[in-house]
Amino acid sequence: MSGGVDWTKCKTVNGTQICLGVEIQFSGRSDLLIVDVAHLRDMIIAGAIDIGVMIVPSDRLGKYLTDRGPRFSDATRAVERARAEDLPLVVLALEHDGPGPALAKRRTRQGK
């Protein structure tokens, strides 16, 4: 995608079009979130998207992922540091839903 945004999607309903730009950050360094904010800001200003969305691990989930990986609190700080609070940006945190029953083993190559 142009501008480095991971994913864009436009939807038209009753003649009105809205476009989302999404940045997903689950690995890498948390200091790169400022680059994600810049990409989303540039696309909003250019009129390519209407709303920017950043998806990151929650603070609780983040401690189980790779060292220095981004978390929700890092993403909100990146938006503040970029002075982008006035832009239509949404920061979403994903959380693990906890342990559950074991998944069945996938059956492959059943033979003849």
PDB file of N, CA and C in Angstrom:
ATOM      1  N   MET A   1       0.836  -1.170   0.000  1.00  0.00           N
ATOM      2  CA  MET A   1       0.000   0.000   0.000  1.00  0.00           C
ATOM      3  C   MET A   1       0.887   1.242   0.000  1.00  0.00           C
ATOM      4  N   SER A   2       0.395   2.287  -0.584  1.00  0.00           N
ATOM      5  CA  SER A   2       1.167   3.523  -0.581  1.00  0.00           C
ATOM      6  C   SER A   2       1.185   4.108   0.827  1.00  0.00           C
ATOM      7  N   GLY A   3       2.296   4.715   1.176  1.00  0.00           N
ATOM      8  CA  GLY A   3       2.403   5.330   2.494  1.00  0.00           C
ATOM      9  C   GLY A   3       2.718   4.350   3.597  1.00  0.00           C
ATOM     10  N   GLY A   4       2.838   3.077   3.296  1.00  0.00           N
ATOM     11  CA  GLY A   4       3.223   2.107   4.292  1.00  0.00           C
ATOM     12  C   GLY A   4       2.088   1.570   5.139  1.00  0.00           C
ATOM     13  N   VAL A   5       0.853   1.944   4.845  1.00  0.00           N
ATOM     14  CA  VAL A   5      -0.274   1.437   5.618  1.00  0.00           C
ATOM     15  C   VAL A   5      -0.505  -0.016   5.251  1.00  0.00           C
ATOM     16  N   ASP A   6      -0.721  -0.862   6.282  1.00  0.00           N
ATOM     17  CA  ASP A   6      -0.853  -2.298   6.078  1.00  0.00           C
ATOM     18  C   ASP A   6      -2.067  -2.670   5.243  1.00  0.00           C
ATOM     19  N   TRP A   7      -3.166  -1.931   5.407  1.00  0.00           N
ATOM     20  CA  TRP A   7      -4.418  -2.340   4.773  1.00  0.00           C
ATOM     21  C   TRP A   7      -5.339  -1.138   4.653  1.00  0.00           C
ATOM     22  N   THR A   8      -6.005  -1.013   3.512  1.00  0.00           N
ATOM     23  CA  THR A   8      -7.030   0.020   3.357  1.00  0.00           C
ATOM     24  C   THR A   8      -8.292  -0.627   2.808  1.00  0.00           C
ATOM     25  N   LYS A   9      -9.426  -0.071   3.181  1.00  0.00           N
ATOM     26  CA  LYS A   9     -10.709  -0.585   2.714  1.00  0.00           C
ATOM     27  C   LYS A   9     -11.683   0.572   2.611  1.00  0.00           C
ATOM     28  N   CYS A  10     -12.341   0.656   1.482  1.00  0.00           N
ATOM     29  CA  CYS A  10     -13.356   1.687   1.269  1.00  0.00           C
ATOM     30  C   CYS A  10     -14.716   1.018   1.096  1.00  0.00           C
ATOM     31  N   LYS A  11     -15.740   1.650   1.619  1.00  0.00           N
ATOM     32  CA  LYS A  11     -17.101   1.134   1.532  1.00  0.00           C
ATOM     33  C   LYS A  11     -18.021   2.288   1.183  1.00  0.00           C
ATOM     34  N   THR A  12     -18.894   2.064   0.207  1.00  0.00           N
ATOM     35  CA  THR A  12     -19.867   3.072  -0.189  1.00  0.00           C
ATOM     36  C   THR A  12     -21.266   2.586   0.183  1.00  0.00           C
ATOM     37  N   VAL A  13     -21.974   3.422   0.924  1.00  0.00           N
ATOM     38  CA  VAL A  13     -23.349   3.120   1.327  1.00  0.00           C
ATOM     39  C   VAL A  13     -24.195   4.355   1.040  1.00  0.00           C
ATOM     40  N   ASN A  14     -25.263   4.163   0.269  1.00  0.00           N
ATOM     41  CA  ASN A  14     -26.163   5.267  -0.092  1.00  0.00           C
ATOM     42  C   ASN A  14     -25.404   6.464  -0.664  1.00  0.00           C
ATOM     43  N   GLY A  15     -24.401   6.177  -1.481  1.00  0.00           N
ATOM     44  CA  GLY A  15     -23.658   7.244  -2.140  1.00  0.00           C
ATOM     45  C   GLY A  15     -22.568   7.895  -1.308  1.00  0.00           C
ATOM     46  N   THR A  16     -22.420   7.495  -0.065  1.00  0.00           N
ATOM     47  CA  THR A  16     -21.381   8.053   0.796  1.00  0.00           C
ATOM     48  C   THR A  16     -20.268   7.033   0.963  1.00  0.00           C
ATOM     49  N   GLN A  17     -19.043   7.459   0.678  1.00  0.00           N
ATOM     50  CA  GLN A  17     -17.902   6.549   0.789  1.00  0.00           C
ATOM     51  C   GLN A  17     -17.061   6.903   2.008  1.00  0.00           C
ATOM     52  N   ILE A  18     -16.621   5.872   2.720  1.00  0.00           N
ATOM     53  CA  ILE A  18     -15.701   6.046   3.844  1.00  0.00           C
ATOM     54  C   ILE A  18     -14.570   5.047   3.671  1.00  0.00           C
ATOM     55  N   CYS A  19     -13.361   5.499   3.940  1.00  0.00           N
ATOM     56  CA  CYS A  19     -12.180   4.653   3.769  1.00  0.00           C
ATOM     57  C   CYS A  19     -11.404   4.569   5.079  1.00  0.00           C
ATOM     58  N   LEU A  20     -10.997   3.350   5.425  1.00  0.00           N
ATOM     59  CA  LEU A  20     -10.187   3.102   6.612  1.00  0.00           C
ATOM     60  C   LEU A  20      -8.778   2.727   6.182  1.00  0.00           C
ATOM     61  N   GLY A  21      -7.802   3.163   6.949  1.00  0.00           N
ATOM     62  CA  GLY A  21      -6.429   2.719   6.787  1.00  0.00           C
ATOM     63  C   GLY A  21      -6.015   2.057   8.081  1.00  0.00           C
ATOM     64  N   VAL A  22      -5.421   0.868   8.002  1.00  0.00           N
ATOM     65  CA  VAL A  22      -5.111   0.091   9.200  1.00  0.00           C
ATOM     66  C   VAL A  22      -3.616  -0.204   9.260  1.00  0.00           C
ATOM     67  N   GLU A  23      -3.034   0.033  10.420  1.00  0.00           N
ATOM     68  CA  GLU A  23      -1.657  -0.364  10.733  1.00  0.00           C
ATOM     69  C   GLU A  23      -1.737  -1.411  11.833  1.00  0.00           C
ATOM     70  N   ILE A  24      -1.126  -2.560  11.590  1.00  0.00           N
ATOM     71  CA  ILE A  24      -1.102  -3.639  12.574  1.00  0.00           C
ATOM     72  C   ILE A  24       0.336  -3.794  13.043  1.00  0.00           C
ATOM     73  N   GLN A  25       0.551  -3.715  14.349  1.00  0.00           N
ATOM     74  CA  GLN A  25       1.901  -3.772  14.894  1.00  0.00           C
ATOM     75  C   GLN A  25       1.946  -4.778  16.039  1.00  0.00           C
ATOM     76  N   PHE A  26       2.429  -5.996  15.747  1.00  0.00           N
ATOM     77  CA  PHE A  26       2.515  -7.017  16.778  1.00  0.00           C
ATOM     78  C   PHE A  26       3.942  -7.446  17.060  1.00  0.00           C
ATOM     79  N   SER A  27       4.869  -6.964  16.273  1.00  0.00           N
ATOM     80  CA  SER A  27       6.271  -7.276  16.528  1.00  0.00           C
ATOM     81  C   SER A  27       7.093  -6.070  16.138  1.00  0.00           C
ATOM     82  N   GLY A  28       8.346  -6.128  16.379  1.00  0.00           N
ATOM     83  CA  GLY A  28       9.183  -4.977  16.086  1.00  0.00           C
ATOM     84  C   GLY A  28       9.352  -4.127  17.320  1.00  0.00           C
ATOM     85  N   ARG A  29       9.879  -2.953  17.135  1.00  0.00           N
ATOM     86  CA  ARG A  29      10.162  -2.077  18.258  1.00  0.00           C
ATOM     87  C   ARG A  29       9.025  -1.092  18.449  1.00  0.00           C
ATOM     88  N   SER A  30       8.741  -0.790  19.700  1.00  0.00           N
ATOM     89  CA  SER A  30       7.635   0.113  19.994  1.00  0.00           C
ATOM     90  C   SER A  30       7.911   1.524  19.508  1.00  0.00           C
ATOM     91  N   ASP A  31       9.183   1.903  19.319  1.00  0.00           N
ATOM     92  CA  ASP A  31       9.467   3.253  18.842  1.00  0.00           C
ATOM     93  C   ASP A  31       9.080   3.434  17.381  1.00  0.00           C
ATOM     94  N   LEU A  32       8.776   2.352  16.668  1.00  0.00           N
ATOM     95  CA  LEU A  32       8.342   2.460  15.274  1.00  0.00           C
ATOM     96  C   LEU A  32       6.865   2.848  15.154  1.00  0.00           C
ATOM     97  N   LEU A  33       6.148   2.880  16.266  1.00  0.00           N
ATOM     98  CA  LEU A  33       4.745   3.282  16.227  1.00  0.00           C
ATOM     99  C   LEU A  33       4.590   4.713  15.732  1.00  0.00           C
ATOM    100  N   ILE A  34       5.561   5.557  16.019  1.00  0.00           N
ATOM    101  CA  ILE A  34       5.498   6.942  15.562  1.00  0.00           C
ATOM    102  C   ILE A  34       5.491   6.993  14.037  1.00  0.00           C
ATOM    103  N   VAL A  35       6.162   6.036  13.398  1.00  0.00           N
ATOM    104  CA  VAL A  35       6.166   5.957  11.933  1.00  0.00           C
ATOM    105  C   VAL A  35       4.773   5.554  11.445  1.00  0.00           C
ATOM    106  N   ASP A  36       4.130   4.634  12.143  1.00  0.00           N
ATOM    107  CA  ASP A  36       2.762   4.231  11.785  1.00  0.00           C
ATOM    108  C   ASP A  36       1.806   5.424  11.874  1.00  0.00           C
ATOM    109  N   VAL A  37       1.945   6.212  12.937  1.00  0.00           N
ATOM    110  CA  VAL A  37       1.097   7.402  13.083  1.00  0.00           C
ATOM    111  C   VAL A  37       1.348   8.359  11.922  1.00  0.00           C
ATOM    112  N   ALA A  38       2.606   8.529  11.547  1.00  0.00           N
ATOM    113  CA  ALA A  38       2.937   9.427  10.434  1.00  0.00           C
ATOM    114  C   ALA A  38       2.331   8.924   9.129  1.00  0.00           C
ATOM    115  N   HIS A  39       2.386   7.605   8.879  1.00  0.00           N
ATOM    116  CA  HIS A  39       1.787   7.050   7.663  1.00  0.00           C
ATOM    117  C   HIS A  39       0.289   7.320   7.627  1.00  0.00           C
ATOM    118  N   LEU A  40      -0.381   7.062   8.747  1.00  0.00           N
ATOM    119  CA  LEU A  40      -1.825   7.286   8.793  1.00  0.00           C
ATOM    120  C   LEU A  40      -2.152   8.766   8.629  1.00  0.00           C
ATOM    121  N   ARG A  41      -1.393   9.632   9.302  1.00  0.00           N
ATOM    122  CA  ARG A  41      -1.627  11.070   9.183  1.00  0.00           C
ATOM    123  C   ARG A  41      -1.460  11.521   7.735  1.00  0.00           C
ATOM    124  N   ASP A  42      -0.400  11.074   7.072  1.00  0.00           N
ATOM    125  CA  ASP A  42      -0.151  11.469   5.683  1.00  0.00           C
ATOM    126  C   ASP A  42      -1.293  11.043   4.767  1.00  0.00           C
ATOM    127  N   MET A  43      -1.820   9.839   4.985  1.00  0.00           N
ATOM    128  CA  MET A  43      -2.912   9.359   4.135  1.00  0.00           C
ATOM    129  C   MET A  43      -4.218  10.096   4.424  1.00  0.00           C
ATOM    130  N   ILE A  44      -4.440  10.474   5.684  1.00  0.00           N
ATOM    131  CA  ILE A  44      -5.638  11.257   6.023  1.00  0.00           C
ATOM    132  C   ILE A  44      -5.546  12.635   5.372  1.00  0.00           C
ATOM    133  N   ILE A  45      -4.391  13.274   5.502  1.00  0.00           N
ATOM    134  CA  ILE A  45      -4.204  14.610   4.921  1.00  0.00           C
ATOM    135  C   ILE A  45      -4.332  14.570   3.404  1.00  0.00           C
ATOM    136  N   ALA A  46      -3.814  13.492   2.786  1.00  0.00           N
ATOM    137  CA  ALA A  46      -3.888  13.360   1.325  1.00  0.00           C
ATOM    138  C   ALA A  46      -5.296  13.025   0.844  1.00  0.00           C
ATOM    139  N   GLY A  47      -6.187  12.659   1.773  1.00  0.00           N
ATOM    140  CA  GLY A  47      -7.551  12.310   1.402  1.00  0.00           C
ATOM    141  C   GLY A  47      -7.715  10.875   0.940  1.00  0.00           C
ATOM    142  N   ALA A  48      -6.683  10.051   1.124  1.00  0.00           N
ATOM    143  CA  ALA A  48      -6.765   8.649   0.711  1.00  0.00           C
ATOM    144  C   ALA A  48      -7.608   7.815   1.679  1.00  0.00           C
ATOM    145  N   ILE A  49      -7.621   8.210   2.963  1.00  0.00           N
ATOM    146  CA  ILE A  49      -8.441   7.525   3.966  1.00  0.00           C
ATOM    147  C   ILE A  49      -9.148   8.574   4.821  1.00  0.00           C
ATOM    148  N   ASP A  50     -10.235   8.142   5.448  1.00  0.00           N
ATOM    149  CA  ASP A  50     -10.986   9.031   6.335  1.00  0.00           C
ATOM    150  C   ASP A  50     -10.663   8.782   7.803  1.00  0.00           C
ATOM    151  N   ILE A  51     -10.374   7.537   8.132  1.00  0.00           N
ATOM    152  CA  ILE A  51     -10.109   7.137   9.513  1.00  0.00           C
ATOM    153  C   ILE A  51      -8.880   6.243   9.535  1.00  0.00           C
ATOM    154  N   GLY A  52      -7.984   6.489  10.492  1.00  0.00           N
ATOM    155  CA  GLY A  52      -6.812   5.648  10.679  1.00  0.00           C
ATOM    156  C   GLY A  52      -7.009   4.758  11.891  1.00  0.00           C
ATOM    157  N   VAL A  53      -6.606   3.493  11.769  1.00  0.00           N
ATOM    158  CA  VAL A  53      -6.750   2.525  12.851  1.00  0.00           C
ATOM    159  C   VAL A  53      -5.396   1.889  13.124  1.00  0.00           C
ATOM    160  N   MET A  54      -4.987   1.901  14.379  1.00  0.00           N
ATOM    161  CA  MET A  54      -3.769   1.208  14.800  1.00  0.00           C
ATOM    162  C   MET A  54      -4.178   0.037  15.681  1.00  0.00           C
ATOM    163  N   ILE A  55      -3.696  -1.146  15.343  1.00  0.00           N
ATOM    164  CA  ILE A  55      -4.016  -2.352  16.115  1.00  0.00           C
ATOM    165  C   ILE A  55      -2.734  -2.857  16.757  1.00  0.00           C
ATOM    166  N   VAL A  56      -2.756  -2.964  18.081  1.00  0.00           N
ATOM    167  CA  VAL A  56      -1.581  -3.387  18.849  1.00  0.00           C
ATOM    168  C   VAL A  56      -2.019  -4.353  19.948  1.00  0.00           C
ATOM    169  N   PRO A  57      -1.073  -5.094  20.532  1.00  0.00           N
ATOM    170  CA  PRO A  57      -1.421  -5.932  21.684  1.00  0.00           C
ATOM    171  C   PRO A  57      -1.778  -5.057  22.887  1.00  0.00           C
ATOM    172  N   SER A  58      -2.634  -5.588  23.744  1.00  0.00           N
ATOM    173  CA  SER A  58      -2.947  -4.877  24.985  1.00  0.00           C
ATOM    174  C   SER A  58      -1.695  -4.854  25.856  1.00  0.00           C
ATOM    175  N   ASP A  59      -1.706  -4.026  26.887  1.00  0.00           N
ATOM    176  CA  ASP A  59      -0.573  -3.987  27.810  1.00  0.00           C
ATOM    177  C   ASP A  59      -0.380  -5.340  28.486  1.00  0.00           C
ATOM    178  N   ARG A  60      -1.476  -5.998  28.806  1.00  0.00           N
ATOM    179  CA  ARG A  60      -1.388  -7.299  29.474  1.00  0.00           C
ATOM    180  C   ARG A  60      -0.821  -8.370  28.545  1.00  0.00           C
ATOM    181  N   LEU A  61      -1.296  -8.411  27.297  1.00  0.00           N
ATOM    182  CA  LEU A  61      -0.800  -9.395  26.341  1.00  0.00           C
ATOM    183  C   LEU A  61       0.633  -9.081  25.919  1.00  0.00           C
ATOM    184  N   GLY A  62       0.968  -7.814  25.846  1.00  0.00           N
ATOM    185  CA  GLY A  62       2.283  -7.400  25.376  1.00  0.00           C
ATOM    186  C   GLY A  62       3.436  -7.959  26.173  1.00  0.00           C
ATOM    187  N   LYS A  63       3.231  -8.210  27.468  1.00  0.00           N
ATOM    188  CA  LYS A  63       4.345  -8.730  28.269  1.00  0.00           C
ATOM    189  C   LYS A  63       4.682 -10.176  27.927  1.00  0.00           C
ATOM    190  N   TYR A  64       3.834 -10.865  27.184  1.00  0.00           N
ATOM    191  CA  TYR A  64       4.120 -12.241  26.774  1.00  0.00           C
ATOM    192  C   TYR A  64       4.727 -12.307  25.373  1.00  0.00           C
ATOM    193  N   LEU A  65       4.783 -11.178  24.678  1.00  0.00           N
ATOM    194  CA  LEU A  65       5.321 -11.150  23.327  1.00  0.00           C
ATOM    195  C   LEU A  65       6.785 -10.752  23.358  1.00  0.00           C
ATOM    196  N   THR A  66       7.395 -10.614  22.185  1.00  0.00           N
ATOM    197  CA  THR A  66       8.825 -10.328  22.104  1.00  0.00           C
ATOM    198  C   THR A  66       9.194  -9.045  22.832  1.00  0.00           C
ATOM    199  N   ASP A  67      10.423  -9.001  23.273  1.00  0.00           N
ATOM    200  CA  ASP A  67      10.932  -7.862  24.014  1.00  0.00           C
ATOM    201  C   ASP A  67      10.819  -6.590  23.193  1.00  0.00           C
ATOM    202  N   ARG A  68      10.437  -5.501  23.847  1.00  0.00           N
ATOM    203  CA  ARG A  68      10.293  -4.178  23.241  1.00  0.00           C
ATOM    204  C   ARG A  68       9.199  -4.111  22.187  1.00  0.00           C
ATOM    205  N   GLY A  69       8.339  -5.086  22.143  1.00  0.00           N
ATOM    206  CA  GLY A  69       7.216  -5.028  21.209  1.00  0.00           C
ATOM    207  C   GLY A  69       6.241  -3.955  21.639  1.00  0.00           C
ATOM    208  N   PRO A  70       5.480  -3.428  20.705  1.00  0.00           N
ATOM    209  CA  PRO A  70       4.550  -2.346  21.029  1.00  0.00           C
ATOM    210  C   PRO A  70       3.373  -2.837  21.863  1.00  0.00           C
ATOM    211  N   ARG A  71       2.844  -1.951  22.676  1.00  0.00           N
ATOM    212  CA  ARG A  71       1.666  -2.219  23.497  1.00  0.00           C
ATOM    213  C   ARG A  71       0.705  -1.048  23.353  1.00  0.00           C
ATOM    214  N   PHE A  72      -0.476  -1.211  23.901  1.00  0.00           N
ATOM    215  CA  PHE A  72      -1.504  -0.173  23.820  1.00  0.00           C
ATOM    216  C   PHE A  72      -1.010   1.157  24.380  1.00  0.00           C
ATOM    217  N   SER A  73      -0.387   1.117  25.552  1.00  0.00           N
ATOM    218  CA  SER A  73       0.089   2.368  26.159  1.00  0.00           C
ATOM    219  C   SER A  73       1.164   3.022  25.293  1.00  0.00           C
ATOM    220  N   ASP A  74       2.010   2.216  24.623  1.00  0.00           N
ATOM    221  CA  ASP A  74       3.019   2.776  23.715  1.00  0.00           C
ATOM    222  C   ASP A  74       2.346   3.462  22.526  1.00  0.00           C
ATOM    223  N   ALA A  75       1.286   2.852  22.007  1.00  0.00           N
ATOM    224  CA  ALA A  75       0.589   3.410  20.842  1.00  0.00           C
ATOM    225  C   ALA A  75      -0.092   4.734  21.195  1.00  0.00           C
ATOM    226  N   THR A  76      -0.719   4.799  22.356  1.00  0.00           N
ATOM    227  CA  THR A  76      -1.377   6.053  22.736  1.00  0.00           C
ATOM    228  C   THR A  76      -0.344   7.151  22.979  1.00  0.00           C
ATOM    229  N   ARG A  77       0.817   6.793  23.540  1.00  0.00           N
ATOM    230  CA  ARG A  77       1.891   7.778  23.708  1.00  0.00           C
ATOM    231  C   ARG A  77       2.426   8.250  22.354  1.00  0.00           C
ATOM    232  N   ALA A  78       2.510   7.330  21.387  1.00  0.00           N
ATOM    233  CA  ALA A  78       2.993   7.701  20.044  1.00  0.00           C
ATOM    234  C   ALA A  78       2.049   8.703  19.391  1.00  0.00           C
ATOM    235  N   VAL A  79       0.750   8.515  19.578  1.00  0.00           N
ATOM    236  CA  VAL A  79      -0.226   9.468  19.031  1.00  0.00           C
ATOM    237  C   VAL A  79      -0.045  10.835  19.695  1.00  0.00           C
ATOM    238  N   GLU A  80       0.172  10.833  21.000  1.00  0.00           N
ATOM    239  CA  GLU A  80       0.387  12.096  21.711  1.00  0.00           C
ATOM    240  C   GLU A  80       1.685  12.768  21.276  1.00  0.00           C
ATOM    241  N   ARG A  81       2.780  11.994  21.159  1.00  0.00           N
ATOM    242  CA  ARG A  81       4.074  12.556  20.749  1.00  0.00           C
ATOM    243  C   ARG A  81       4.008  13.152  19.349  1.00  0.00           C
ATOM    244  N   ALA A  82       3.198  12.521  18.482  1.00  0.00           N
ATOM    245  CA  ALA A  82       3.057  13.016  17.108  1.00  0.00           C
ATOM    246  C   ALA A  82       2.074  14.178  17.024  1.00  0.00           C
ATOM    247  N   ARG A  83       1.494  14.536  18.164  1.00  0.00           N
ATOM    248  CA  ARG A  83       0.482  15.601  18.219  1.00  0.00           C
ATOM    249  C   ARG A  83      -0.640  15.330  17.227  1.00  0.00           C
ATOM    250  N   ALA A  84      -1.103  14.095  17.246  1.00  0.00           N
ATOM    251  CA  ALA A  84      -2.131  13.661  16.301  1.00  0.00           C
ATOM    252  C   ALA A  84      -3.464  13.377  16.995  1.00  0.00           C
ATOM    253  N   GLU A  85      -3.646  13.899  18.203  1.00  0.00           N
ATOM    254  CA  GLU A  85      -4.885  13.639  18.936  1.00  0.00           C
ATOM    255  C   GLU A  85      -6.108  14.213  18.237  1.00  0.00           C
ATOM    256  N   ASP A  86      -5.914  15.235  17.396  1.00  0.00           N
ATOM    257  CA  ASP A  86      -7.043  15.865  16.718  1.00  0.00           C
ATOM    258  C   ASP A  86      -7.425  15.166  15.416  1.00  0.00           C
ATOM    259  N   LEU A  87      -6.662  14.157  15.021  1.00  0.00           N
ATOM    260  CA  LEU A  87      -6.970  13.405  13.798  1.00  0.00           C
ATOM    261  C   LEU A  87      -7.931  12.266  14.101  1.00  0.00           C
ATOM    262  N   PRO A  88      -8.665  11.809  13.098  1.00  0.00           N
ATOM    263  CA  PRO A  88      -9.563  10.668  13.309  1.00  0.00           C
ATOM    264  C   PRO A  88      -8.759   9.359  13.341  1.00  0.00           C
ATOM    265  N   LEU A  89      -8.090   9.113  14.480  1.00  0.00           N
ATOM    266  CA  LEU A  89      -7.310   7.900  14.695  1.00  0.00           C
ATOM    267  C   LEU A  89      -7.936   7.080  15.814  1.00  0.00           C
ATOM    268  N   VAL A  90      -7.942   5.781  15.629  1.00  0.00           N
ATOM    269  CA  VAL A  90      -8.446   4.866  16.639  1.00  0.00           C
ATOM    270  C   VAL A  90      -7.331   3.888  16.969  1.00  0.00           C
ATOM    271  N   VAL A  91      -7.068   3.686  18.254  1.00  0.00           N
ATOM    272  CA  VAL A  91      -6.088   2.687  18.688  1.00  0.00           C
ATOM    273  C   VAL A  91      -6.863   1.542  19.319  1.00  0.00           C
ATOM    274  N   LEU A  92      -6.710   0.343  18.742  1.00  0.00           N
ATOM    275  CA  LEU A  92      -7.391  -0.851  19.254  1.00  0.00           C
ATOM    276  C   LEU A  92      -6.367  -1.791  19.860  1.00  0.00           C
ATOM    277  N   ALA A  93      -6.688  -2.334  21.032  1.00  0.00           N
ATOM    278  CA  ALA A  93      -5.819  -3.303  21.692  1.00  0.00           C
ATOM    279  C   ALA A  93      -6.447  -4.680  21.596  1.00  0.00           C
ATOM    280  N   LEU A  94      -5.663  -5.638  21.164  1.00  0.00           N
ATOM    281  CA  LEU A  94      -6.122  -7.022  21.114  1.00  0.00           C
ATOM    282  C   LEU A  94      -5.649  -7.754  22.357  1.00  0.00           C
ATOM    283  N   GLU A  95      -6.496  -8.608  22.865  1.00  0.00           N
ATOM    284  CA  GLU A  95      -6.225  -9.343  24.093  1.00  0.00           C
ATOM    285  C   GLU A  95      -6.433 -10.825  23.846  1.00  0.00           C
ATOM    286  N   HIS A  96      -5.637 -11.631  24.495  1.00  0.00           N
ATOM    287  CA  HIS A  96      -5.834 -13.078  24.428  1.00  0.00           C
ATOM    288  C   HIS A  96      -7.039 -13.425  25.285  1.00  0.00           C
ATOM    289  N   ASP A  97      -7.860 -14.354  24.819  1.00  0.00           N
ATOM    290  CA  ASP A  97      -9.080 -14.676  25.568  1.00  0.00           C
ATOM    291  C   ASP A  97      -8.868 -15.742  26.629  1.00  0.00           C
ATOM    292  N   GLY A  98      -7.628 -16.121  26.887  1.00  0.00           N
ATOM    293  CA  GLY A  98      -7.330 -17.070  27.952  1.00  0.00           C
ATOM    294  C   GLY A  98      -7.260 -18.496  27.449  1.00  0.00           C
ATOM    295  N   PRO A  99      -6.788 -19.381  28.305  1.00  0.00           N
ATOM    296  CA  PRO A  99      -6.670 -20.775  27.890  1.00  0.00           C
ATOM    297  C   PRO A  99      -8.039 -21.416  27.720  1.00  0.00           C
ATOM    298  N   GLY A 100      -8.107 -22.327  26.817  1.00  0.00           N
ATOM    299  CA  GLY A 100      -9.351 -23.047  26.574  1.00  0.00           C
ATOM    300  C   GLY A 100      -9.017 -24.500  26.290  1.00  0.00           C
ATOM    301  N   PRO A 101      -9.974 -25.243  25.800  1.00  0.00           N
ATOM    302  CA  PRO A 101      -9.695 -26.642  25.494  1.00  0.00           C
ATOM    303  C   PRO A 101      -8.668 -26.746  24.363  1.00  0.00           C
ATOM    304  N   ALA A 102      -7.904 -27.825  24.410  1.00  0.00           N
ATOM    305  CA  ALA A 102      -6.888 -28.050  23.388  1.00  0.00           C
ATOM    306  C   ALA A 102      -7.561 -28.233  22.028  1.00  0.00           C
ATOM    307  N   LEU A 103      -6.938 -27.707  21.001  1.00  0.00           N
ATOM    308  CA  LEU A 103      -7.456 -27.872  19.656  1.00  0.00           C
ATOM    309  C   LEU A 103      -7.141 -29.274  19.156  1.00  0.00           C
ATOM    310  N   ALA A 104      -8.053 -29.828  18.388  1.00  0.00           N
ATOM    311  CA  ALA A 104      -7.831 -31.163  17.833  1.00  0.00           C
ATOM    312  C   ALA A 104      -6.684 -31.110  16.836  1.00  0.00           C
ATOM    313  N   LYS A 105      -5.911 -32.158  16.783  1.00  0.00           N
ATOM    314  CA  LYS A 105      -4.806 -32.224  15.848  1.00  0.00           C
ATOM    315  C   LYS A 105      -5.362 -32.251  14.432  1.00  0.00           C
ATOM    316  N   ARG A 106      -4.729 -31.533  13.553  1.00  0.00           N
ATOM    317  CA  ARG A 106      -5.184 -31.473  12.173  1.00  0.00           C
ATOM    318  C   ARG A 106      -4.844 -32.776  11.469  1.00  0.00           C
ATOM    319  N   ARG A 107      -5.828 -33.327  10.794  1.00  0.00           N
ATOM    320  CA  ARG A 107      -5.615 -34.587  10.090  1.00  0.00           C
ATOM    321  C   ARG A 107      -5.142 -34.303   8.676  1.00  0.00           C
ATOM    322  N   THR A 108      -4.002 -34.866   8.317  1.00  0.00           N
ATOM    323  CA  THR A 108      -3.440 -34.686   6.980  1.00  0.00           C
ATOM    324  C   THR A 108      -3.042 -36.041   6.417  1.00  0.00           C
ATOM    325  N   ARG A 109      -2.924 -36.112   5.137  1.00  0.00           N
ATOM    326  CA  ARG A 109      -2.461 -37.312   4.421  1.00  0.00           C
ATOM    327  C   ARG A 109      -3.077 -38.590   4.986  1.00  0.00           C
ATOM    328  N   GLN A 110      -4.311 -38.760   4.698  1.00  0.00           N
ATOM    329  CA  GLN A 110      -5.062 -39.900   5.210  1.00  0.00           C
ATOM    330  C   GLN A 110      -4.668 -41.205   4.532  1.00  0.00           C
ATOM    331  N   GLY A 111      -3.959 -41.123   3.443  1.00  0.00           N
ATOM    332  CA  GLY A 111      -3.617 -42.348   2.716  1.00  0.00           C
ATOM    333  C   GLY A 111      -4.780 -42.799   1.858  1.00  0.00           C
ATOM    334  N   LYS A 112      -4.588 -43.893   1.159  1.00  0.00           N
ATOM    335  CA  LYS A 112      -5.640 -44.383   0.270  1.00  0.00           C
ATOM    336  C   LYS A 112      -6.490 -45.359   0.944  1.00  0.00           C
TER     337      LYS A 112
END
